[in-house]
Structures are given as structure tokens and as C-alpha cells.
Amino acid sequence: MTELTFLLENEDDTVAVGQTLARHIQAPFTLYLTGDLGAGKTTLSRGLIQALGHQGAVKSPTYTLVEPYELKGVEVYHFDLYRLNDPEELEFMGIRDYFSDTSLCIVEWPDKGQGLLPAADVHIHLSYQGSGREIHLHALTAAGNRLLTAIK
């Protein structure tokens, strides 16, 4: 499967990667975003969600666990599981209903929902590199491989 790594000098570069993903991504699709606090997971999500047509702010759903965006032709669900205490909480919120043929699911801190989340099509890891960031994208499915091949 395809893997890509880029250096991101600033926040604008991170947003640009999200915008690039948006030009090629098609539902159904699941993205896992991992990395330390402040590494740029929500910034990347903002670039992707706004490039798909959302006109407002994109905030981290740290306290609500999920923020839905009804956009033209796609339902986007942005999850932030950082504050999740027990993966079973996802069962109570009906987690499986979010992952449909018309949805794009972006999951920050997916390890917190281990065992209850569907597999990712692409796993994106952001890490600190000096004053910038490094982004590593790893395709895990054929759909993920098509996406990363398109953005090479």
C-alpha cells in the first residue's frame, strides 16, 4: 500500500494538505488522525472540511465526541475521542450509524475507540519536526491507495 511523507512548515501547509485530500476523497471513507496534542490534527480536518464546502468554523469536538457536517453529496463526521473514558461509550452514541456509504469519517485519537471503530482507509500521523510538522499518510485499503496515488 502507498505511503507518503511531507514536511509542513506552518499551519497553512497543514490546511493545504486537507484541501488536497478533499479534491480527491470520495465517500465512504474513514481517516484516522494520530499525533501529539497540538500536532495539527484539527487543522488538517479544518482544511479538508472547509474545502468540501463547509462555510463556518471547524472546531475540535473534544467534548461532544462528534461534529456532523451535512455537505453537498457527503455527510462528514469529525470525531475527537481524546476525552473518551471507555470505548463502550461509543456504543451508547450509536457509533456504527455514522459509518455509512455516504459518509466521510475523520477520527482523531482512534486508539481510544479501539475495537468499536471500523478500520481506516488512510491513517495520517502528524509529528513535530523542529518548528514545523511532519505528516505521514499510510493507505490501508484499496480506496486509501487510490486517494494517496491521486495526491502524489
N, C-alpha and C. Protein backbone atom coordinates (compact mmCIF):
# COMPACT_ATOMS: atom_id res chain seq x y z
N MET A 1 0.84 -1.19 0.00
CA MET A 1 0.00 0.00 0.00
C MET A 1 0.88 1.25 0.00
N THR A 2 0.30 2.32 -0.48
CA THR A 2 1.03 3.58 -0.65
C THR A 2 1.26 4.27 0.69
N GLU A 3 2.44 4.87 0.82
CA GLU A 3 2.77 5.72 1.97
C GLU A 3 3.41 6.99 1.44
N LEU A 4 3.05 8.12 2.05
CA LEU A 4 3.61 9.41 1.69
C LEU A 4 4.03 10.14 2.95
N THR A 5 5.10 10.90 2.87
CA THR A 5 5.56 11.72 3.98
C THR A 5 5.93 13.10 3.44
N PHE A 6 5.46 14.14 4.13
CA PHE A 6 5.75 15.52 3.74
C PHE A 6 6.16 16.30 4.98
N LEU A 7 6.98 17.32 4.77
CA LEU A 7 7.28 18.28 5.83
C LEU A 7 6.32 19.45 5.67
N LEU A 8 5.77 19.90 6.78
CA LEU A 8 4.83 21.02 6.81
C LEU A 8 5.50 22.15 7.59
N GLU A 9 5.74 23.27 6.93
CA GLU A 9 6.44 24.36 7.59
C GLU A 9 5.56 25.14 8.55
N ASN A 10 4.25 25.19 8.25
CA ASN A 10 3.37 26.03 9.07
C ASN A 10 1.93 25.54 8.96
N GLU A 11 1.04 26.25 9.63
CA GLU A 11 -0.38 25.89 9.64
C GLU A 11 -0.99 25.90 8.24
N ASP A 12 -0.59 26.86 7.43
CA ASP A 12 -1.12 26.94 6.06
C ASP A 12 -0.79 25.68 5.26
N ASP A 13 0.39 25.12 5.47
CA ASP A 13 0.76 23.87 4.79
C ASP A 13 -0.14 22.72 5.23
N THR A 14 -0.48 22.69 6.51
CA THR A 14 -1.35 21.64 7.05
C THR A 14 -2.75 21.76 6.45
N VAL A 15 -3.28 22.97 6.40
CA VAL A 15 -4.59 23.22 5.79
C VAL A 15 -4.56 22.80 4.32
N ALA A 16 -3.46 23.10 3.63
CA ALA A 16 -3.34 22.77 2.21
C ALA A 16 -3.40 21.26 1.97
N VAL A 17 -2.83 20.47 2.86
CA VAL A 17 -2.92 19.01 2.72
C VAL A 17 -4.38 18.58 2.84
N GLY A 18 -5.10 19.15 3.80
CA GLY A 18 -6.53 18.84 3.93
C GLY A 18 -7.30 19.22 2.68
N GLN A 19 -6.97 20.36 2.09
CA GLN A 19 -7.63 20.80 0.86
C GLN A 19 -7.33 19.85 -0.30
N THR A 20 -6.10 19.39 -0.37
CA THR A 20 -5.72 18.44 -1.42
C THR A 20 -6.47 17.13 -1.25
N LEU A 21 -6.57 16.64 -0.04
CA LEU A 21 -7.33 15.41 0.22
C LEU A 21 -8.78 15.58 -0.24
N ALA A 22 -9.35 16.74 0.06
CA ALA A 22 -10.76 17.00 -0.27
C ALA A 22 -11.02 16.93 -1.77
N ARG A 23 -10.05 17.31 -2.57
CA ARG A 23 -10.23 17.29 -4.03
C ARG A 23 -10.35 15.87 -4.57
N HIS A 24 -9.87 14.88 -3.83
CA HIS A 24 -9.81 13.51 -4.35
C HIS A 24 -10.58 12.48 -3.53
N ILE A 25 -11.01 12.83 -2.35
CA ILE A 25 -11.65 11.86 -1.45
C ILE A 25 -13.09 11.61 -1.86
N GLN A 26 -13.55 10.38 -1.70
CA GLN A 26 -14.94 10.03 -2.01
C GLN A 26 -15.49 9.12 -0.91
N ALA A 27 -16.72 9.40 -0.53
CA ALA A 27 -17.39 8.55 0.46
C ALA A 27 -17.75 7.22 -0.19
N PRO A 28 -17.79 6.18 0.58
CA PRO A 28 -17.47 6.11 2.01
C PRO A 28 -15.96 6.09 2.22
N PHE A 29 -15.53 6.76 3.30
CA PHE A 29 -14.10 6.83 3.58
C PHE A 29 -13.90 7.11 5.05
N THR A 30 -12.89 6.48 5.64
CA THR A 30 -12.54 6.70 7.04
C THR A 30 -11.08 7.07 7.15
N LEU A 31 -10.82 8.22 7.78
CA LEU A 31 -9.47 8.70 8.06
C LEU A 31 -9.21 8.61 9.55
N TYR A 32 -8.09 8.03 9.92
CA TYR A 32 -7.62 8.07 11.30
C TYR A 32 -6.53 9.13 11.37
N LEU A 33 -6.62 10.01 12.36
CA LEU A 33 -5.61 11.04 12.60
C LEU A 33 -4.97 10.82 13.96
N THR A 34 -3.66 10.64 13.97
CA THR A 34 -2.95 10.47 15.23
C THR A 34 -1.81 11.47 15.31
N GLY A 35 -1.33 11.67 16.52
CA GLY A 35 -0.23 12.59 16.77
C GLY A 35 -0.42 13.24 18.12
N ASP A 36 0.64 13.86 18.60
CA ASP A 36 0.58 14.53 19.90
C ASP A 36 -0.41 15.68 19.89
N LEU A 37 -0.79 16.12 21.09
CA LEU A 37 -1.63 17.32 21.22
C LEU A 37 -0.96 18.48 20.49
N GLY A 38 -1.73 19.21 19.72
CA GLY A 38 -1.23 20.38 19.03
C GLY A 38 -0.44 20.09 17.76
N ALA A 39 -0.40 18.84 17.33
CA ALA A 39 0.39 18.48 16.15
C ALA A 39 -0.28 18.89 14.84
N GLY A 40 -1.59 19.18 14.86
CA GLY A 40 -2.25 19.66 13.66
C GLY A 40 -3.41 18.82 13.16
N LYS A 41 -3.89 17.90 13.98
CA LYS A 41 -4.99 17.02 13.55
C LYS A 41 -6.24 17.83 13.21
N THR A 42 -6.63 18.73 14.06
CA THR A 42 -7.83 19.53 13.83
C THR A 42 -7.60 20.54 12.70
N THR A 43 -6.40 21.06 12.57
CA THR A 43 -6.08 21.98 11.49
C THR A 43 -6.22 21.27 10.15
N LEU A 44 -5.72 20.06 10.05
CA LEU A 44 -5.87 19.27 8.83
C LEU A 44 -7.35 19.01 8.54
N SER A 45 -8.10 18.66 9.58
CA SER A 45 -9.54 18.42 9.44
C SER A 45 -10.24 19.66 8.94
N ARG A 46 -9.88 20.82 9.47
CA ARG A 46 -10.49 22.08 9.05
C ARG A 46 -10.25 22.32 7.56
N GLY A 47 -9.02 22.11 7.08
CA GLY A 47 -8.73 22.29 5.67
C GLY A 47 -9.57 21.38 4.80
N LEU A 48 -9.72 20.14 5.21
CA LEU A 48 -10.50 19.16 4.45
C LEU A 48 -11.99 19.52 4.45
N ILE A 49 -12.54 19.77 5.62
CA ILE A 49 -13.98 20.02 5.76
C ILE A 49 -14.38 21.32 5.04
N GLN A 50 -13.59 22.36 5.20
CA GLN A 50 -13.92 23.61 4.52
C GLN A 50 -13.76 23.48 3.00
N ALA A 51 -12.78 22.72 2.55
CA ALA A 51 -12.62 22.52 1.11
C ALA A 51 -13.76 21.70 0.52
N LEU A 52 -14.43 20.91 1.35
CA LEU A 52 -15.60 20.15 0.89
C LEU A 52 -16.86 21.01 0.85
N GLY A 53 -16.77 22.26 1.33
CA GLY A 53 -17.91 23.17 1.21
C GLY A 53 -18.45 23.75 2.49
N HIS A 54 -17.93 23.38 3.65
CA HIS A 54 -18.42 23.97 4.90
C HIS A 54 -17.95 25.41 4.99
N GLN A 55 -18.89 26.31 5.29
CA GLN A 55 -18.60 27.74 5.29
C GLN A 55 -18.22 28.31 6.65
N GLY A 56 -18.43 27.58 7.71
CA GLY A 56 -18.18 28.11 9.04
C GLY A 56 -16.89 27.60 9.65
N ALA A 57 -16.78 27.83 10.94
CA ALA A 57 -15.61 27.37 11.69
C ALA A 57 -15.66 25.84 11.83
N VAL A 58 -14.50 25.26 11.97
CA VAL A 58 -14.39 23.84 12.26
C VAL A 58 -13.65 23.74 13.59
N LYS A 59 -14.37 23.30 14.59
CA LYS A 59 -13.76 23.21 15.92
C LYS A 59 -13.58 21.74 16.29
N SER A 60 -12.68 21.52 17.20
CA SER A 60 -12.45 20.16 17.66
C SER A 60 -13.62 19.71 18.52
N PRO A 61 -14.21 18.57 18.20
CA PRO A 61 -15.34 18.08 19.01
C PRO A 61 -14.88 17.32 20.25
N THR A 62 -13.93 17.89 20.98
CA THR A 62 -13.35 17.22 22.14
C THR A 62 -14.40 16.87 23.19
N TYR A 63 -15.36 17.74 23.42
CA TYR A 63 -16.34 17.49 24.47
C TYR A 63 -17.60 16.82 23.96
N THR A 64 -17.91 16.99 22.69
CA THR A 64 -19.12 16.39 22.13
C THR A 64 -18.84 15.05 21.46
N LEU A 65 -17.58 14.71 21.26
CA LEU A 65 -17.09 13.50 20.60
C LEU A 65 -17.26 13.51 19.09
N VAL A 66 -18.35 14.10 18.58
CA VAL A 66 -18.55 14.13 17.12
C VAL A 66 -19.22 15.44 16.71
N GLU A 67 -18.76 15.96 15.59
CA GLU A 67 -19.36 17.15 14.99
C GLU A 67 -19.78 16.78 13.57
N PRO A 68 -21.09 16.84 13.29
CA PRO A 68 -21.56 16.48 11.93
C PRO A 68 -21.56 17.69 11.00
N TYR A 69 -21.30 17.43 9.73
CA TYR A 69 -21.35 18.45 8.69
C TYR A 69 -22.12 17.86 7.52
N GLU A 70 -23.29 18.41 7.23
CA GLU A 70 -24.09 17.96 6.09
C GLU A 70 -23.68 18.81 4.90
N LEU A 71 -22.93 18.23 3.99
CA LEU A 71 -22.42 18.96 2.84
C LEU A 71 -22.98 18.37 1.56
N LYS A 72 -22.82 19.08 0.47
CA LYS A 72 -23.36 18.63 -0.80
C LYS A 72 -22.74 17.28 -1.18
N GLY A 73 -23.57 16.25 -1.21
CA GLY A 73 -23.14 14.94 -1.65
C GLY A 73 -22.42 14.08 -0.64
N VAL A 74 -22.17 14.60 0.55
CA VAL A 74 -21.44 13.82 1.56
C VAL A 74 -21.81 14.27 2.97
N GLU A 75 -21.85 13.31 3.85
CA GLU A 75 -22.01 13.60 5.27
C GLU A 75 -20.63 13.42 5.90
N VAL A 76 -20.14 14.47 6.54
CA VAL A 76 -18.84 14.41 7.18
C VAL A 76 -19.05 14.36 8.69
N TYR A 77 -18.39 13.40 9.32
CA TYR A 77 -18.43 13.28 10.78
C TYR A 77 -17.01 13.38 11.29
N HIS A 78 -16.78 14.41 12.10
CA HIS A 78 -15.47 14.67 12.67
C HIS A 78 -15.50 14.24 14.13
N PHE A 79 -14.77 13.20 14.44
CA PHE A 79 -14.71 12.65 15.80
C PHE A 79 -13.42 13.08 16.48
N ASP A 80 -13.50 13.38 17.75
CA ASP A 80 -12.32 13.58 18.59
C ASP A 80 -12.54 12.76 19.85
N LEU A 81 -11.82 11.67 19.96
CA LEU A 81 -12.04 10.72 21.05
C LEU A 81 -11.07 10.92 22.21
N TYR A 82 -10.37 12.05 22.24
CA TYR A 82 -9.35 12.30 23.26
C TYR A 82 -9.89 12.14 24.68
N ARG A 83 -11.07 12.64 24.94
CA ARG A 83 -11.64 12.60 26.30
C ARG A 83 -12.50 11.37 26.57
N LEU A 84 -12.52 10.43 25.64
CA LEU A 84 -13.31 9.21 25.82
C LEU A 84 -12.71 8.38 26.94
N ASN A 85 -13.53 8.06 27.93
CA ASN A 85 -13.06 7.27 29.07
C ASN A 85 -13.14 5.78 28.84
N ASP A 86 -14.14 5.35 28.08
CA ASP A 86 -14.38 3.93 27.87
C ASP A 86 -14.93 3.76 26.46
N PRO A 87 -14.33 2.90 25.65
CA PRO A 87 -14.81 2.72 24.28
C PRO A 87 -16.29 2.34 24.21
N GLU A 88 -16.82 1.75 25.26
CA GLU A 88 -18.24 1.37 25.27
C GLU A 88 -19.16 2.58 25.14
N GLU A 89 -18.65 3.78 25.49
CA GLU A 89 -19.45 5.00 25.32
C GLU A 89 -19.83 5.18 23.86
N LEU A 90 -19.00 4.69 22.95
CA LEU A 90 -19.29 4.81 21.53
C LEU A 90 -20.50 3.97 21.14
N GLU A 91 -20.69 2.84 21.80
CA GLU A 91 -21.88 2.01 21.56
C GLU A 91 -23.14 2.78 21.93
N PHE A 92 -23.09 3.48 23.06
CA PHE A 92 -24.26 4.22 23.53
C PHE A 92 -24.64 5.36 22.59
N MET A 93 -23.65 5.92 21.90
CA MET A 93 -23.95 7.03 20.98
C MET A 93 -24.28 6.53 19.58
N GLY A 94 -24.29 5.22 19.37
CA GLY A 94 -24.65 4.66 18.08
C GLY A 94 -23.57 4.83 17.03
N ILE A 95 -22.33 4.60 17.40
CA ILE A 95 -21.18 4.86 16.54
C ILE A 95 -21.30 4.21 15.17
N ARG A 96 -21.85 3.04 15.09
CA ARG A 96 -21.92 2.33 13.81
C ARG A 96 -22.80 3.06 12.78
N ASP A 97 -23.77 3.83 13.26
CA ASP A 97 -24.67 4.54 12.37
C ASP A 97 -23.98 5.66 11.58
N TYR A 98 -22.86 6.15 12.09
CA TYR A 98 -22.15 7.24 11.43
C TYR A 98 -21.37 6.76 10.20
N PHE A 99 -20.97 5.51 10.21
CA PHE A 99 -20.12 4.97 9.15
C PHE A 99 -21.02 4.32 8.09
N SER A 100 -21.43 5.12 7.09
CA SER A 100 -22.36 4.64 6.06
C SER A 100 -21.73 4.84 4.67
N ASP A 101 -22.47 4.44 3.66
CA ASP A 101 -21.98 4.57 2.28
C ASP A 101 -21.87 6.01 1.81
N THR A 102 -22.49 6.94 2.52
CA THR A 102 -22.45 8.35 2.13
C THR A 102 -21.62 9.20 3.08
N SER A 103 -20.87 8.57 3.98
CA SER A 103 -20.16 9.36 4.98
C SER A 103 -18.64 9.32 4.84
N LEU A 104 -18.07 10.44 5.21
CA LEU A 104 -16.64 10.59 5.37
C LEU A 104 -16.42 10.78 6.86
N CYS A 105 -15.71 9.87 7.48
CA CYS A 105 -15.48 9.95 8.92
C CYS A 105 -14.01 10.24 9.20
N ILE A 106 -13.79 11.30 9.94
CA ILE A 106 -12.45 11.73 10.34
C ILE A 106 -12.36 11.47 11.84
N VAL A 107 -11.43 10.63 12.26
CA VAL A 107 -11.37 10.21 13.66
C VAL A 107 -10.02 10.60 14.26
N GLU A 108 -10.04 11.58 15.17
CA GLU A 108 -8.85 11.92 15.94
C GLU A 108 -8.80 11.03 17.17
N TRP A 109 -7.61 10.58 17.53
CA TRP A 109 -7.39 9.70 18.68
C TRP A 109 -8.14 8.37 18.53
N PRO A 110 -8.02 7.70 17.39
CA PRO A 110 -8.78 6.46 17.16
C PRO A 110 -8.44 5.33 18.12
N ASP A 111 -7.25 5.36 18.70
CA ASP A 111 -6.87 4.31 19.65
C ASP A 111 -7.80 4.27 20.86
N LYS A 112 -8.45 5.38 21.17
CA LYS A 112 -9.39 5.43 22.31
C LYS A 112 -10.68 4.66 22.01
N GLY A 113 -10.96 4.41 20.74
CA GLY A 113 -12.16 3.67 20.36
C GLY A 113 -11.85 2.29 19.82
N GLN A 114 -10.68 1.81 20.15
CA GLN A 114 -10.21 0.53 19.61
C GLN A 114 -11.23 -0.58 19.87
N GLY A 115 -11.49 -1.36 18.83
CA GLY A 115 -12.42 -2.47 18.92
C GLY A 115 -13.84 -2.12 18.52
N LEU A 116 -14.17 -0.83 18.48
CA LEU A 116 -15.52 -0.42 18.11
C LEU A 116 -15.57 0.41 16.84
N LEU A 117 -14.42 0.83 16.36
CA LEU A 117 -14.37 1.63 15.14
C LEU A 117 -14.08 0.74 13.94
N PRO A 118 -14.66 1.08 12.79
CA PRO A 118 -14.28 0.36 11.58
C PRO A 118 -12.83 0.69 11.22
N ALA A 119 -12.22 -0.13 10.43
CA ALA A 119 -10.84 0.11 10.01
C ALA A 119 -10.75 1.38 9.17
N ALA A 120 -9.60 2.01 9.22
CA ALA A 120 -9.36 3.22 8.44
C ALA A 120 -8.97 2.87 7.01
N ASP A 121 -9.32 3.76 6.09
CA ASP A 121 -8.82 3.66 4.72
C ASP A 121 -7.42 4.27 4.63
N VAL A 122 -7.22 5.36 5.38
CA VAL A 122 -5.92 6.01 5.46
C VAL A 122 -5.67 6.40 6.91
N HIS A 123 -4.45 6.12 7.37
CA HIS A 123 -4.01 6.55 8.70
C HIS A 123 -3.02 7.69 8.47
N ILE A 124 -3.30 8.82 9.09
CA ILE A 124 -2.44 10.00 8.98
C ILE A 124 -1.85 10.27 10.35
N HIS A 125 -0.53 10.37 10.40
CA HIS A 125 0.15 10.68 11.65
C HIS A 125 0.91 11.98 11.49
N LEU A 126 0.68 12.90 12.42
CA LEU A 126 1.37 14.19 12.43
C LEU A 126 2.34 14.21 13.60
N SER A 127 3.55 14.68 13.36
CA SER A 127 4.54 14.76 14.44
C SER A 127 5.33 16.06 14.31
N TYR A 128 5.87 16.48 15.42
CA TYR A 128 6.68 17.69 15.46
C TYR A 128 8.02 17.44 14.79
N GLN A 129 8.46 18.40 13.98
CA GLN A 129 9.78 18.39 13.36
C GLN A 129 10.33 19.80 13.48
N GLY A 130 11.12 20.06 14.50
CA GLY A 130 11.62 21.40 14.75
C GLY A 130 10.47 22.35 14.96
N SER A 131 10.41 23.43 14.20
CA SER A 131 9.31 24.39 14.34
C SER A 131 8.14 24.04 13.43
N GLY A 132 8.28 22.98 12.63
CA GLY A 132 7.21 22.56 11.73
C GLY A 132 6.64 21.21 12.12
N ARG A 133 6.07 20.54 11.16
CA ARG A 133 5.46 19.23 11.38
C ARG A 133 5.85 18.30 10.24
N GLU A 134 5.77 17.02 10.54
CA GLU A 134 5.88 16.01 9.51
C GLU A 134 4.55 15.28 9.46
N ILE A 135 4.08 15.03 8.24
CA ILE A 135 2.83 14.29 8.07
C ILE A 135 3.15 13.01 7.32
N HIS A 136 2.67 11.92 7.87
CA HIS A 136 2.86 10.61 7.25
C HIS A 136 1.49 10.03 6.95
N LEU A 137 1.23 9.72 5.70
CA LEU A 137 -0.04 9.16 5.26
C LEU A 137 0.20 7.72 4.82
N HIS A 138 -0.60 6.81 5.34
CA HIS A 138 -0.45 5.39 5.05
C HIS A 138 -1.79 4.82 4.62
N ALA A 139 -1.85 4.36 3.37
CA ALA A 139 -3.08 3.75 2.85
C ALA A 139 -3.20 2.34 3.42
N LEU A 140 -4.41 2.00 3.86
CA LEU A 140 -4.67 0.69 4.46
C LEU A 140 -5.67 -0.13 3.66
N THR A 141 -6.31 0.49 2.66
CA THR A 141 -7.29 -0.20 1.82
C THR A 141 -7.07 0.22 0.37
N ALA A 142 -7.78 -0.43 -0.53
CA ALA A 142 -7.70 -0.05 -1.95
C ALA A 142 -8.18 1.39 -2.15
N ALA A 143 -9.24 1.80 -1.44
CA ALA A 143 -9.73 3.18 -1.54
C ALA A 143 -8.67 4.16 -1.04
N GLY A 144 -8.01 3.81 0.03
CA GLY A 144 -6.93 4.65 0.55
C GLY A 144 -5.78 4.74 -0.41
N ASN A 145 -5.46 3.62 -1.02
CA ASN A 145 -4.37 3.60 -2.00
C ASN A 145 -4.70 4.51 -3.20
N ARG A 146 -5.95 4.47 -3.66
CA ARG A 146 -6.36 5.34 -4.77
C ARG A 146 -6.22 6.82 -4.38
N LEU A 147 -6.61 7.16 -3.16
CA LEU A 147 -6.52 8.55 -2.71
C LEU A 147 -5.07 9.01 -2.67
N LEU A 148 -4.20 8.23 -2.07
CA LEU A 148 -2.81 8.66 -1.96
C LEU A 148 -2.10 8.67 -3.31
N THR A 149 -2.46 7.77 -4.18
CA THR A 149 -1.90 7.78 -5.53
C THR A 149 -2.32 9.06 -6.26
N ALA A 150 -3.54 9.51 -6.05
CA ALA A 150 -4.07 10.72 -6.70
C ALA A 150 -3.37 11.98 -6.20
N ILE A 151 -2.93 12.00 -4.94
CA ILE A 151 -2.33 13.23 -4.41
C ILE A 151 -0.81 13.24 -4.47
N LYS A 152 -0.20 12.18 -4.94
CA LYS A 152 1.26 12.12 -5.02
C LYS A 152 1.83 13.31 -5.75
